[in-house]
């Protein structure tokens, strides 16, 4: 059990709260995840939740930026790669990743 002085319990509770908010209010979930990242920069789950919330609210560019950093830092985390793919599949960015590789669409 975590003591009151142990911030892990607090972060875990905040992450659970952000996850719950994501289902009902992605804007508030993004705010919650951002607050967590102020206390624990680069916390992987907070980054993922923030990216998903950004995608859900239509901020695909920001979601992709977060997910690009996250997948680089956590290359084996399937959930991060899944969300990266989901963000890339959004209509706004369907052609963006391939343009970096020199592939051109007709």
C-alpha atoms as a PDB file:
ATOM      1  CA  UNK A   1       0.000   0.000   0.000  1.00  0.00           C
ATOM      2  CA  UNK A   2       1.271   3.478  -0.833  1.00  0.00           C
ATOM      3  CA  UNK A   3       1.773   5.995   1.909  1.00  0.00           C
ATOM      4  CA  UNK A   4       0.558   9.576   1.622  1.00  0.00           C
ATOM      5  CA  UNK A   5       4.143  10.644   0.933  1.00  0.00           C
ATOM      6  CA  UNK A   6       4.447   8.229  -2.005  1.00  0.00           C
ATOM      7  CA  UNK A   7       3.485  10.101  -5.208  1.00  0.00           C
ATOM      8  CA  UNK A   8       2.987   6.851  -7.153  1.00  0.00           C
ATOM      9  CA  UNK A   9      -0.409   6.251  -5.587  1.00  0.00           C
ATOM     10  CA  UNK A  10      -1.490   9.750  -6.459  1.00  0.00           C
ATOM     11  CA  UNK A  11      -0.293   9.416 -10.055  1.00  0.00           C
ATOM     12  CA  UNK A  12      -1.984   6.033 -10.389  1.00  0.00           C
ATOM     13  CA  UNK A  13      -5.262   7.526  -9.166  1.00  0.00           C
ATOM     14  CA  UNK A  14      -4.886  10.506 -11.495  1.00  0.00           C
ATOM     15  CA  UNK A  15      -4.217   8.182 -14.442  1.00  0.00           C
ATOM     16  CA  UNK A  16      -7.294   6.106 -13.606  1.00  0.00           C
ATOM     17  CA  UNK A  17      -9.338   9.295 -13.419  1.00  0.00           C
ATOM     18  CA  UNK A  18      -8.006  10.474 -16.803  1.00  0.00           C
ATOM     19  CA  UNK A  19      -8.861   7.099 -18.303  1.00  0.00           C
ATOM     20  CA  UNK A  20     -12.440   7.347 -17.011  1.00  0.00           C
ATOM     21  CA  UNK A  21     -12.752  10.909 -18.305  1.00  0.00           C
ATOM     22  CA  UNK A  22     -11.611   9.824 -21.744  1.00  0.00           C
ATOM     23  CA  UNK A  23     -14.846   7.908 -22.254  1.00  0.00           C
ATOM     24  CA  UNK A  24     -17.142  10.779 -21.325  1.00  0.00           C
ATOM     25  CA  UNK A  25     -15.186  13.997 -21.784  1.00  0.00           C
ATOM     26  CA  UNK A  26     -11.933  13.888 -23.790  1.00  0.00           C
ATOM     27  CA  UNK A  27     -11.294  17.602 -23.186  1.00  0.00           C
ATOM     28  CA  UNK A  28     -11.180  17.053 -19.432  1.00  0.00           C
ATOM     29  CA  UNK A  29      -9.148  13.873 -19.955  1.00  0.00           C
ATOM     30  CA  UNK A  30      -6.557  15.923 -21.870  1.00  0.00           C
ATOM     31  CA  UNK A  31      -6.432  18.466 -19.051  1.00  0.00           C
ATOM     32  CA  UNK A  32      -5.985  15.685 -16.476  1.00  0.00           C
ATOM     33  CA  UNK A  33      -3.227  14.010 -18.504  1.00  0.00           C
ATOM     34  CA  UNK A  34      -1.483  17.369 -18.980  1.00  0.00           C
ATOM     35  CA  UNK A  35      -1.513  17.958 -15.230  1.00  0.00           C
ATOM     36  CA  UNK A  36      -0.008  14.512 -14.646  1.00  0.00           C
ATOM     37  CA  UNK A  37       2.742  15.281 -17.152  1.00  0.00           C
ATOM     38  CA  UNK A  38       3.608  18.464 -15.258  1.00  0.00           C
ATOM     39  CA  UNK A  39       4.365  16.329 -12.197  1.00  0.00           C
ATOM     40  CA  UNK A  40       5.765  13.289 -14.023  1.00  0.00           C
ATOM     41  CA  UNK A  41       7.156  14.398 -17.392  1.00  0.00           C
ATOM     42  CA  UNK A  42       7.202  11.686 -20.055  1.00  0.00           C
ATOM     43  CA  UNK A  43       4.968   9.363 -18.008  1.00  0.00           C
ATOM     44  CA  UNK A  44       4.039   6.878 -20.768  1.00  0.00           C
ATOM     45  CA  UNK A  45       0.395   6.249 -19.882  1.00  0.00           C
ATOM     46  CA  UNK A  46      -0.268   9.955 -19.365  1.00  0.00           C
ATOM     47  CA  UNK A  47       1.275  10.654 -22.774  1.00  0.00           C
ATOM     48  CA  UNK A  48      -0.896   7.973 -24.348  1.00  0.00           C
ATOM     49  CA  UNK A  49      -4.054   9.270 -22.699  1.00  0.00           C
ATOM     50  CA  UNK A  50      -3.238  12.821 -23.763  1.00  0.00           C
ATOM     51  CA  UNK A  51      -2.629  11.711 -27.346  1.00  0.00           C
ATOM     52  CA  UNK A  52      -5.890   9.748 -27.481  1.00  0.00           C
ATOM     53  CA  UNK A  53      -7.790  12.679 -26.005  1.00  0.00           C
ATOM     54  CA  UNK A  54      -6.224  15.023 -28.571  1.00  0.00           C
ATOM     55  CA  UNK A  55      -7.190  12.641 -31.384  1.00  0.00           C
ATOM     56  CA  UNK A  56     -10.740  12.345 -30.058  1.00  0.00           C
ATOM     57  CA  UNK A  57     -11.104  16.135 -29.960  1.00  0.00           C
ATOM     58  CA  UNK A  58      -9.776  16.506 -33.511  1.00  0.00           C
ATOM     59  CA  UNK A  59      -6.268  17.767 -32.712  1.00  0.00           C
ATOM     60  CA  UNK A  60      -4.605  15.146 -34.884  1.00  0.00           C
ATOM     61  CA  UNK A  61      -1.365  17.081 -35.339  1.00  0.00           C
ATOM     62  CA  UNK A  62      -0.755  17.257 -31.592  1.00  0.00           C
ATOM     63  CA  UNK A  63      -1.794  13.624 -31.132  1.00  0.00           C
ATOM     64  CA  UNK A  64       0.736  12.554 -33.763  1.00  0.00           C
ATOM     65  CA  UNK A  65       3.506  14.636 -32.202  1.00  0.00           C
ATOM     66  CA  UNK A  66       2.918  13.040 -28.803  1.00  0.00           C
ATOM     67  CA  UNK A  67       2.636   9.540 -30.249  1.00  0.00           C
ATOM     68  CA  UNK A  68       5.786   9.973 -32.308  1.00  0.00           C
ATOM     69  CA  UNK A  69       7.749  10.785 -29.126  1.00  0.00           C
ATOM     70  CA  UNK A  70       5.998   8.016 -27.207  1.00  0.00           C
ATOM     71  CA  UNK A  71       6.647   5.258 -29.752  1.00  0.00           C
ATOM     72  CA  UNK A  72      10.287   6.325 -29.986  1.00  0.00           C
ATOM     73  CA  UNK A  73      10.627   6.125 -26.199  1.00  0.00           C
ATOM     74  CA  UNK A  74       8.532   2.930 -25.867  1.00  0.00           C
ATOM     75  CA  UNK A  75       9.239   0.996 -29.091  1.00  0.00           C
ATOM     76  CA  UNK A  76       7.771  -2.277 -27.789  1.00  0.00           C
ATOM     77  CA  UNK A  77       4.509  -0.856 -26.452  1.00  0.00           C
ATOM     78  CA  UNK A  78       1.784  -2.128 -28.758  1.00  0.00           C
ATOM     79  CA  UNK A  79      -0.883   0.243 -27.415  1.00  0.00           C
ATOM     80  CA  UNK A  80       1.208   3.267 -28.363  1.00  0.00           C
ATOM     81  CA  UNK A  81       1.773   1.931 -31.882  1.00  0.00           C
ATOM     82  CA  UNK A  82      -1.913   1.094 -32.235  1.00  0.00           C
ATOM     83  CA  UNK A  83      -2.905   4.642 -31.284  1.00  0.00           C
ATOM     84  CA  UNK A  84      -0.238   6.050 -33.598  1.00  0.00           C
ATOM     85  CA  UNK A  85      -1.794   4.060 -36.438  1.00  0.00           C
ATOM     86  CA  UNK A  86      -5.281   5.216 -35.449  1.00  0.00           C
ATOM     87  CA  UNK A  87      -4.145   8.838 -35.541  1.00  0.00           C
ATOM     88  CA  UNK A  88      -2.390   8.357 -38.883  1.00  0.00           C
ATOM     89  CA  UNK A  89      -5.585   6.852 -40.294  1.00  0.00           C
ATOM     90  CA  UNK A  90      -7.554  10.011 -39.576  1.00  0.00           C
ATOM     91  CA  UNK A  91      -8.543  11.737 -42.850  1.00  0.00           C
ATOM     92  CA  UNK A  92      -6.467  14.849 -42.152  1.00  0.00           C
ATOM     93  CA  UNK A  93      -3.207  12.894 -42.134  1.00  0.00           C
ATOM     94  CA  UNK A  94      -3.746   9.940 -44.435  1.00  0.00           C
ATOM     95  CA  UNK A  95      -1.004  11.029 -46.808  1.00  0.00           C
ATOM     96  CA  UNK A  96       1.403  12.680 -44.368  1.00  0.00           C
ATOM     97  CA  UNK A  97       3.557   9.746 -43.199  1.00  0.00           C
ATOM     98  CA  UNK A  98       4.207   8.405 -46.684  1.00  0.00           C
ATOM     99  CA  UNK A  99       5.235  11.780 -48.038  1.00  0.00           C
ATOM    100  CA  UNK A 100       8.284  11.627 -45.770  1.00  0.00           C
ATOM    101  CA  UNK A 101       9.323   8.392 -47.481  1.00  0.00           C
ATOM    102  CA  UNK A 102       9.054   9.830 -50.970  1.00  0.00           C
ATOM    103  CA  UNK A 103       5.942   7.808 -51.856  1.00  0.00           C
ATOM    104  CA  UNK A 104       3.493   9.853 -53.919  1.00  0.00           C
ATOM    105  CA  UNK A 105      -0.191   9.257 -54.277  1.00  0.00           C
ATOM    106  CA  UNK A 106      -1.853   9.812 -57.655  1.00  0.00           C
END
